[in-house]
């Protein structure tokens, strides 16, 4: 799914539920949705555990292609040229 990045924020906290660290970035994004007039917006979490090269270079205004796995979590993010 191609999305336009509106903002990027770092995520770094310890989960109260599991006690495990949660690290990554949140991509605040806009995208086309057939059920929305105009653009839909969402916050997409990308975990550092994925080891995606170049994730730190994504900035507001970039377009990225986000891939999701069977369970709906992000599996890959690619910067579109």
PDB file of N, CA and C in Angstrom:
ATOM      1  N   UNK A   1       0.846  -1.155   0.000  1.00  0.00           N
ATOM      2  CA  UNK A   1       0.000   0.000   0.000  1.00  0.00           C
ATOM      3  C   UNK A   1       0.906   1.236   0.000  1.00  0.00           C
ATOM      4  N   UNK A   2       0.671   2.117  -0.950  1.00  0.00           N
ATOM      5  CA  UNK A   2       1.474   3.340  -1.017  1.00  0.00           C
ATOM      6  C   UNK A   2       0.836   4.412  -0.144  1.00  0.00           C
ATOM      7  N   UNK A   3       1.678   5.058   0.672  1.00  0.00           N
ATOM      8  CA  UNK A   3       1.217   6.107   1.566  1.00  0.00           C
ATOM      9  C   UNK A   3       2.157   7.308   1.471  1.00  0.00           C
ATOM     10  N   UNK A   4       1.607   8.486   1.738  1.00  0.00           N
ATOM     11  CA  UNK A   4       2.396   9.717   1.793  1.00  0.00           C
ATOM     12  C   UNK A   4       2.682  10.003   3.251  1.00  0.00           C
ATOM     13  N   UNK A   5       3.952  10.154   3.588  1.00  0.00           N
ATOM     14  CA  UNK A   5       4.358  10.373   4.971  1.00  0.00           C
ATOM     15  C   UNK A   5       4.141  11.835   5.333  1.00  0.00           C
ATOM     16  N   UNK A   6       3.358  12.055   6.388  1.00  0.00           N
ATOM     17  CA  UNK A   6       3.083  13.403   6.885  1.00  0.00           C
ATOM     18  C   UNK A   6       4.017  13.769   8.031  1.00  0.00           C
ATOM     19  N   UNK A   7       4.448  12.772   8.785  1.00  0.00           N
ATOM     20  CA  UNK A   7       5.330  12.992   9.921  1.00  0.00           C
ATOM     21  C   UNK A   7       5.951  11.684  10.372  1.00  0.00           C
ATOM     22  N   UNK A   8       7.055  11.791  11.103  1.00  0.00           N
ATOM     23  CA  UNK A   8       7.770  10.614  11.599  1.00  0.00           C
ATOM     24  C   UNK A   8       8.087  10.846  13.070  1.00  0.00           C
ATOM     25  N   UNK A   9       7.812   9.845  13.902  1.00  0.00           N
ATOM     26  CA  UNK A   9       8.185   9.956  15.317  1.00  0.00           C
ATOM     27  C   UNK A   9       8.863   8.669  15.770  1.00  0.00           C
ATOM     28  N   UNK A  10       9.862   8.824  16.631  1.00  0.00           N
ATOM     29  CA  UNK A  10      10.568   7.663  17.180  1.00  0.00           C
ATOM     30  C   UNK A  10       9.737   7.062  18.302  1.00  0.00           C
ATOM     31  N   UNK A  11       9.770   5.737  18.394  1.00  0.00           N
ATOM     32  CA  UNK A  11       9.060   5.001  19.440  1.00  0.00           C
ATOM     33  C   UNK A  11      10.099   4.245  20.254  1.00  0.00           C
ATOM     34  N   UNK A  12      10.072   4.414  21.575  1.00  0.00           N
ATOM     35  CA  UNK A  12      11.028   3.731  22.444  1.00  0.00           C
ATOM     36  C   UNK A  12      10.443   3.683  23.857  1.00  0.00           C
ATOM     37  N   UNK A  13       9.862   2.545  24.221  1.00  0.00           N
ATOM     38  CA  UNK A  13       9.285   2.376  25.550  1.00  0.00           C
ATOM     39  C   UNK A  13       9.288   0.893  25.916  1.00  0.00           C
ATOM     40  N   UNK A  14       8.949   0.604  27.141  1.00  0.00           N
ATOM     41  CA  UNK A  14       8.838  -0.783  27.609  1.00  0.00           C
ATOM     42  C   UNK A  14       7.355  -1.092  27.764  1.00  0.00           C
ATOM     43  N   UNK A  15       6.911  -2.170  27.131  1.00  0.00           N
ATOM     44  CA  UNK A  15       5.515  -2.581  27.194  1.00  0.00           C
ATOM     45  C   UNK A  15       5.143  -2.961  28.624  1.00  0.00           C
ATOM     46  N   UNK A  16       4.064  -2.366  29.124  1.00  0.00           N
ATOM     47  CA  UNK A  16       3.602  -2.714  30.467  1.00  0.00           C
ATOM     48  C   UNK A  16       3.032  -4.120  30.505  1.00  0.00           C
ATOM     49  N   UNK A  17       2.494  -4.560  29.379  1.00  0.00           N
ATOM     50  CA  UNK A  17       1.878  -5.887  29.322  1.00  0.00           C
ATOM     51  C   UNK A  17       2.919  -7.004  29.331  1.00  0.00           C
ATOM     52  N   UNK A  18       3.988  -6.856  28.508  1.00  0.00           N
ATOM     53  CA  UNK A  18       4.972  -7.932  28.366  1.00  0.00           C
ATOM     54  C   UNK A  18       6.301  -7.651  29.048  1.00  0.00           C
ATOM     55  N   UNK A  19       6.584  -6.375  29.338  1.00  0.00           N
ATOM     56  CA  UNK A  19       7.873  -6.011  29.915  1.00  0.00           C
ATOM     57  C   UNK A  19       8.989  -5.930  28.889  1.00  0.00           C
ATOM     58  N   UNK A  20       8.651  -6.149  27.625  1.00  0.00           N
ATOM     59  CA  UNK A  20       9.638  -6.119  26.537  1.00  0.00           C
ATOM     60  C   UNK A  20       9.794  -4.701  25.985  1.00  0.00           C
ATOM     61  N   UNK A  21      11.011  -4.350  25.543  1.00  0.00           N
ATOM     62  CA  UNK A  21      11.186  -3.037  24.919  1.00  0.00           C
ATOM     63  C   UNK A  21      10.495  -2.979  23.558  1.00  0.00           C
ATOM     64  N   UNK A  22       9.924  -1.824  23.238  1.00  0.00           N
ATOM     65  CA  UNK A  22       9.294  -1.583  21.944  1.00  0.00           C
ATOM     66  C   UNK A  22      10.032  -0.407  21.321  1.00  0.00           C
ATOM     67  N   UNK A  23      10.702  -0.662  20.179  1.00  0.00           N
ATOM     68  CA  UNK A  23      11.479   0.381  19.512  1.00  0.00           C
ATOM     69  C   UNK A  23      11.164   0.364  18.029  1.00  0.00           C
ATOM     70  N   UNK A  24      11.141   1.553  17.439  1.00  0.00           N
ATOM     71  CA  UNK A  24      10.895   1.679  16.016  1.00  0.00           C
ATOM     72  C   UNK A  24      10.515   3.100  15.673  1.00  0.00           C
ATOM     73  N   UNK A  25       9.751   3.245  14.605  1.00  0.00           N
ATOM     74  CA  UNK A  25       9.252   4.558  14.197  1.00  0.00           C
ATOM     75  C   UNK A  25       7.770   4.454  13.868  1.00  0.00           C
ATOM     76  N   UNK A  26       7.071   5.559  14.070  1.00  0.00           N
ATOM     77  CA  UNK A  26       5.681   5.671  13.638  1.00  0.00           C
ATOM     78  C   UNK A  26       5.661   6.600  12.440  1.00  0.00           C
ATOM     79  N   UNK A  27       5.065   6.114  11.363  1.00  0.00           N
ATOM     80  CA  UNK A  27       4.902   6.923  10.151  1.00  0.00           C
ATOM     81  C   UNK A  27       3.470   7.443  10.147  1.00  0.00           C
ATOM     82  N   UNK A  28       3.314   8.739  10.364  1.00  0.00           N
ATOM     83  CA  UNK A  28       2.001   9.374  10.304  1.00  0.00           C
ATOM     84  C   UNK A  28       1.742   9.611   8.826  1.00  0.00           C
ATOM     85  N   UNK A  29       0.710   8.967   8.268  1.00  0.00           N
ATOM     86  CA  UNK A  29       0.577   8.861   6.819  1.00  0.00           C
ATOM     87  C   UNK A  29      -0.823   9.155   6.310  1.00  0.00           C
ATOM     88  N   UNK A  30      -0.891   9.517   5.036  1.00  0.00           N
ATOM     89  CA  UNK A  30      -2.153   9.726   4.327  1.00  0.00           C
ATOM     90  C   UNK A  30      -2.161   8.813   3.106  1.00  0.00           C
ATOM     91  N   UNK A  31      -3.374   8.324   2.757  1.00  0.00           N
ATOM     92  CA  UNK A  31      -3.477   7.399   1.629  1.00  0.00           C
ATOM     93  C   UNK A  31      -4.905   7.407   1.102  1.00  0.00           C
ATOM     94  N   UNK A  32      -5.071   6.895  -0.099  1.00  0.00           N
ATOM     95  CA  UNK A  32      -6.392   6.782  -0.713  1.00  0.00           C
ATOM     96  C   UNK A  32      -7.130   5.592  -0.108  1.00  0.00           C
ATOM     97  N   UNK A  33      -8.417   5.796   0.160  1.00  0.00           N
ATOM     98  CA  UNK A  33      -9.278   4.740   0.687  1.00  0.00           C
ATOM     99  C   UNK A  33     -10.635   4.902   0.010  1.00  0.00           C
ATOM    100  N   UNK A  34     -11.155   3.830  -0.543  1.00  0.00           N
ATOM    101  CA  UNK A  34     -12.409   3.902  -1.294  1.00  0.00           C
ATOM    102  C   UNK A  34     -13.591   4.318  -0.424  1.00  0.00           C
ATOM    103  N   UNK A  35     -13.477   4.176   0.887  1.00  0.00           N
ATOM    104  CA  UNK A  35     -14.560   4.532   1.795  1.00  0.00           C
ATOM    105  C   UNK A  35     -14.438   5.946   2.370  1.00  0.00           C
ATOM    106  N   UNK A  36     -13.425   6.687   1.899  1.00  0.00           N
ATOM    107  CA  UNK A  36     -13.170   8.032   2.427  1.00  0.00           C
ATOM    108  C   UNK A  36     -13.146   9.017   1.274  1.00  0.00           C
ATOM    109  N   UNK A  37     -13.886  10.099   1.415  1.00  0.00           N
ATOM    110  CA  UNK A  37     -13.812  11.175   0.430  1.00  0.00           C
ATOM    111  C   UNK A  37     -12.577  11.989   0.788  1.00  0.00           C
ATOM    112  N   UNK A  38     -11.645  12.107  -0.134  1.00  0.00           N
ATOM    113  CA  UNK A  38     -10.352  12.738   0.141  1.00  0.00           C
ATOM    114  C   UNK A  38      -9.339  11.665   0.488  1.00  0.00           C
ATOM    115  N   UNK A  39      -8.583  11.889   1.552  1.00  0.00           N
ATOM    116  CA  UNK A  39      -7.570  10.923   1.960  1.00  0.00           C
ATOM    117  C   UNK A  39      -7.844  10.434   3.379  1.00  0.00           C
ATOM    118  N   UNK A  40      -7.509   9.179   3.624  1.00  0.00           N
ATOM    119  CA  UNK A  40      -7.563   8.614   4.968  1.00  0.00           C
ATOM    120  C   UNK A  40      -6.193   8.827   5.609  1.00  0.00           C
ATOM    121  N   UNK A  41      -6.144   8.839   6.930  1.00  0.00           N
ATOM    122  CA  UNK A  41      -4.877   8.976   7.636  1.00  0.00           C
ATOM    123  C   UNK A  41      -4.728   7.846   8.640  1.00  0.00           C
ATOM    124  N   UNK A  42      -3.477   7.489   8.923  1.00  0.00           N
ATOM    125  CA  UNK A  42      -3.208   6.428   9.880  1.00  0.00           C
ATOM    126  C   UNK A  42      -1.802   6.599  10.417  1.00  0.00           C
ATOM    127  N   UNK A  43      -1.554   5.991  11.561  1.00  0.00           N
ATOM    128  CA  UNK A  43      -0.249   5.945  12.180  1.00  0.00           C
ATOM    129  C   UNK A  43       0.268   4.519  11.984  1.00  0.00           C
ATOM    130  N   UNK A  44       1.371   4.353  11.255  1.00  0.00           N
ATOM    131  CA  UNK A  44       1.888   3.025  10.927  1.00  0.00           C
ATOM    132  C   UNK A  44       3.167   2.787  11.720  1.00  0.00           C
ATOM    133  N   UNK A  45       3.145   1.776  12.611  1.00  0.00           N
ATOM    134  CA  UNK A  45       4.328   1.446  13.412  1.00  0.00           C
ATOM    135  C   UNK A  45       5.228   0.498  12.638  1.00  0.00           C
ATOM    136  N   UNK A  46       6.530   0.837  12.594  1.00  0.00           N
ATOM    137  CA  UNK A  46       7.543  -0.010  11.946  1.00  0.00           C
ATOM    138  C   UNK A  46       8.583  -0.357  13.004  1.00  0.00           C
ATOM    139  N   UNK A  47       8.637  -1.615  13.383  1.00  0.00           N
ATOM    140  CA  UNK A  47       9.535  -2.072  14.437  1.00  0.00           C
ATOM    141  C   UNK A  47      10.986  -2.110  13.978  1.00  0.00           C
ATOM    142  N   UNK A  48      11.899  -1.744  14.896  1.00  0.00           N
ATOM    143  CA  UNK A  48      13.336  -1.879  14.626  1.00  0.00           C
ATOM    144  C   UNK A  48      13.713  -3.338  14.409  1.00  0.00           C
ATOM    145  N   UNK A  49      12.922  -4.260  14.968  1.00  0.00           N
ATOM    146  CA  UNK A  49      13.218  -5.695  14.835  1.00  0.00           C
ATOM    147  C   UNK A  49      13.212  -6.168  13.383  1.00  0.00           C
ATOM    148  N   UNK A  50      12.533  -5.419  12.521  1.00  0.00           N
ATOM    149  CA  UNK A  50      12.479  -5.796  11.103  1.00  0.00           C
ATOM    150  C   UNK A  50      13.806  -5.561  10.398  1.00  0.00           C
ATOM    151  N   UNK A  51      14.637  -4.664  10.936  1.00  0.00           N
ATOM    152  CA  UNK A  51      15.946  -4.389  10.341  1.00  0.00           C
ATOM    153  C   UNK A  51      15.855  -3.767   8.958  1.00  0.00           C
ATOM    154  N   UNK A  52      14.872  -2.937   8.727  1.00  0.00           N
ATOM    155  CA  UNK A  52      14.683  -2.326   7.413  1.00  0.00           C
ATOM    156  C   UNK A  52      15.742  -1.250   7.185  1.00  0.00           C
ATOM    157  N   UNK A  53      16.553  -1.450   6.167  1.00  0.00           N
ATOM    158  CA  UNK A  53      17.609  -0.504   5.830  1.00  0.00           C
ATOM    159  C   UNK A  53      16.978   0.767   5.278  1.00  0.00           C
ATOM    160  N   UNK A  54      17.435   1.913   5.760  1.00  0.00           N
ATOM    161  CA  UNK A  54      16.970   3.187   5.235  1.00  0.00           C
ATOM    162  C   UNK A  54      15.728   3.737   5.909  1.00  0.00           C
ATOM    163  N   UNK A  55      15.185   3.048   6.892  1.00  0.00           N
ATOM    164  CA  UNK A  55      13.963   3.532   7.544  1.00  0.00           C
ATOM    165  C   UNK A  55      14.215   4.882   8.222  1.00  0.00           C
ATOM    166  N   UNK A  56      15.429   5.091   8.712  1.00  0.00           N
ATOM    167  CA  UNK A  56      15.749   6.346   9.403  1.00  0.00           C
ATOM    168  C   UNK A  56      15.856   7.534   8.452  1.00  0.00           C
ATOM    169  N   UNK A  57      15.947   7.267   7.155  1.00  0.00           N
ATOM    170  CA  UNK A  57      16.066   8.368   6.191  1.00  0.00           C
ATOM    171  C   UNK A  57      14.709   8.840   5.659  1.00  0.00           C
ATOM    172  N   UNK A  58      13.626   8.159   6.035  1.00  0.00           N
ATOM    173  CA  UNK A  58      12.291   8.564   5.592  1.00  0.00           C
ATOM    174  C   UNK A  58      11.905   9.847   6.309  1.00  0.00           C
ATOM    175  N   UNK A  59      11.358  10.789   5.526  1.00  0.00           N
ATOM    176  CA  UNK A  59      11.002  12.090   6.092  1.00  0.00           C
ATOM    177  C   UNK A  59       9.642  12.529   5.573  1.00  0.00           C
ATOM    178  N   UNK A  60       9.036  13.530   6.223  1.00  0.00           N
ATOM    179  CA  UNK A  60       7.748  14.033   5.750  1.00  0.00           C
ATOM    180  C   UNK A  60       7.817  14.453   4.282  1.00  0.00           C
ATOM    181  N   UNK A  61       6.776  14.099   3.539  1.00  0.00           N
ATOM    182  CA  UNK A  61       6.714  14.389   2.110  1.00  0.00           C
ATOM    183  C   UNK A  61       7.086  13.200   1.239  1.00  0.00           C
ATOM    184  N   UNK A  62       7.789  12.210   1.812  1.00  0.00           N
ATOM    185  CA  UNK A  62       8.158  11.007   1.055  1.00  0.00           C
ATOM    186  C   UNK A  62       6.933  10.127   0.839  1.00  0.00           C
ATOM    187  N   UNK A  63       6.974   9.347  -0.247  1.00  0.00           N
ATOM    188  CA  UNK A  63       5.976   8.307  -0.487  1.00  0.00           C
ATOM    189  C   UNK A  63       6.658   6.972  -0.270  1.00  0.00           C
ATOM    190  N   UNK A  64       6.019   6.100   0.505  1.00  0.00           N
ATOM    191  CA  UNK A  64       6.579   4.784   0.786  1.00  0.00           C
ATOM    192  C   UNK A  64       5.553   3.708   0.461  1.00  0.00           C
ATOM    193  N   UNK A  65       6.053   2.526   0.140  1.00  0.00           N
ATOM    194  CA  UNK A  65       5.209   1.357  -0.094  1.00  0.00           C
ATOM    195  C   UNK A  65       5.320   0.480   1.147  1.00  0.00           C
ATOM    196  N   UNK A  66       4.200   0.276   1.826  1.00  0.00           N
ATOM    197  CA  UNK A  66       4.171  -0.508   3.059  1.00  0.00           C
ATOM    198  C   UNK A  66       3.587  -1.877   2.747  1.00  0.00           C
ATOM    199  N   UNK A  67       4.304  -2.926   3.161  1.00  0.00           N
ATOM    200  CA  UNK A  67       3.825  -4.298   2.965  1.00  0.00           C
ATOM    201  C   UNK A  67       3.419  -4.867   4.321  1.00  0.00           C
ATOM    202  N   UNK A  68       2.302  -5.588   4.313  1.00  0.00           N
ATOM    203  CA  UNK A  68       1.769  -6.184   5.540  1.00  0.00           C
ATOM    204  C   UNK A  68       1.776  -7.700   5.437  1.00  0.00           C
ATOM    205  N   UNK A  69       1.954  -8.374   6.578  1.00  0.00           N
ATOM    206  CA  UNK A  69       1.910  -9.832   6.646  1.00  0.00           C
ATOM    207  C   UNK A  69       0.499 -10.330   6.861  1.00  0.00           C
ATOM    208  N   UNK A  70       0.349 -11.628   7.029  1.00  0.00           N
ATOM    209  CA  UNK A  70      -0.962 -12.258   7.206  1.00  0.00           C
ATOM    210  C   UNK A  70      -1.720 -11.735   8.418  1.00  0.00           C
ATOM    211  N   UNK A  71      -1.009 -11.365   9.450  1.00  0.00           N
ATOM    212  CA  UNK A  71      -1.662 -10.911  10.684  1.00  0.00           C
ATOM    213  C   UNK A  71      -1.833  -9.404  10.743  1.00  0.00           C
ATOM    214  N   UNK A  72      -1.533  -8.720   9.654  1.00  0.00           N
ATOM    215  CA  UNK A  72      -1.766  -7.284   9.582  1.00  0.00           C
ATOM    216  C   UNK A  72      -0.636  -6.414  10.083  1.00  0.00           C
ATOM    217  N   UNK A  73       0.493  -7.014  10.461  1.00  0.00           N
ATOM    218  CA  UNK A  73       1.618  -6.195  10.909  1.00  0.00           C
ATOM    219  C   UNK A  73       2.537  -5.888   9.732  1.00  0.00           C
ATOM    220  N   UNK A  74       3.260  -4.790   9.848  1.00  0.00           N
ATOM    221  CA  UNK A  74       4.167  -4.354   8.790  1.00  0.00           C
ATOM    222  C   UNK A  74       5.304  -5.355   8.648  1.00  0.00           C
ATOM    223  N   UNK A  75       5.613  -5.740   7.397  1.00  0.00           N
ATOM    224  CA  UNK A  75       6.731  -6.639   7.144  1.00  0.00           C
ATOM    225  C   UNK A  75       7.859  -5.954   6.375  1.00  0.00           C
ATOM    226  N   UNK A  76       7.526  -4.868   5.649  1.00  0.00           N
ATOM    227  CA  UNK A  76       8.556  -4.159   4.880  1.00  0.00           C
ATOM    228  C   UNK A  76       8.059  -2.763   4.515  1.00  0.00           C
ATOM    229  N   UNK A  77       9.005  -1.838   4.386  1.00  0.00           N
ATOM    230  CA  UNK A  77       8.712  -0.478   3.937  1.00  0.00           C
ATOM    231  C   UNK A  77       9.777  -0.113   2.918  1.00  0.00           C
ATOM    232  N   UNK A  78       9.345   0.364   1.740  1.00  0.00           N
ATOM    233  CA  UNK A  78      10.264   0.740   0.684  1.00  0.00           C
ATOM    234  C   UNK A  78       9.975   2.174   0.261  1.00  0.00           C
ATOM    235  N   UNK A  79      11.011   2.981   0.176  1.00  0.00           N
ATOM    236  CA  UNK A  79      10.882   4.353  -0.284  1.00  0.00           C
ATOM    237  C   UNK A  79      10.618   4.354  -1.777  1.00  0.00           C
ATOM    238  N   UNK A  80       9.576   5.050  -2.214  1.00  0.00           N
ATOM    239  CA  UNK A  80       9.251   5.146  -3.638  1.00  0.00           C
ATOM    240  C   UNK A  80      10.037   6.301  -4.244  1.00  0.00           C
ATOM    241  N   UNK A  81      10.477   6.119  -5.477  1.00  0.00           N
ATOM    242  CA  UNK A  81      11.246   7.168  -6.158  1.00  0.00           C
ATOM    243  C   UNK A  81      10.351   8.010  -7.018  1.00  0.00           C
TER     244      UNK A  81
END
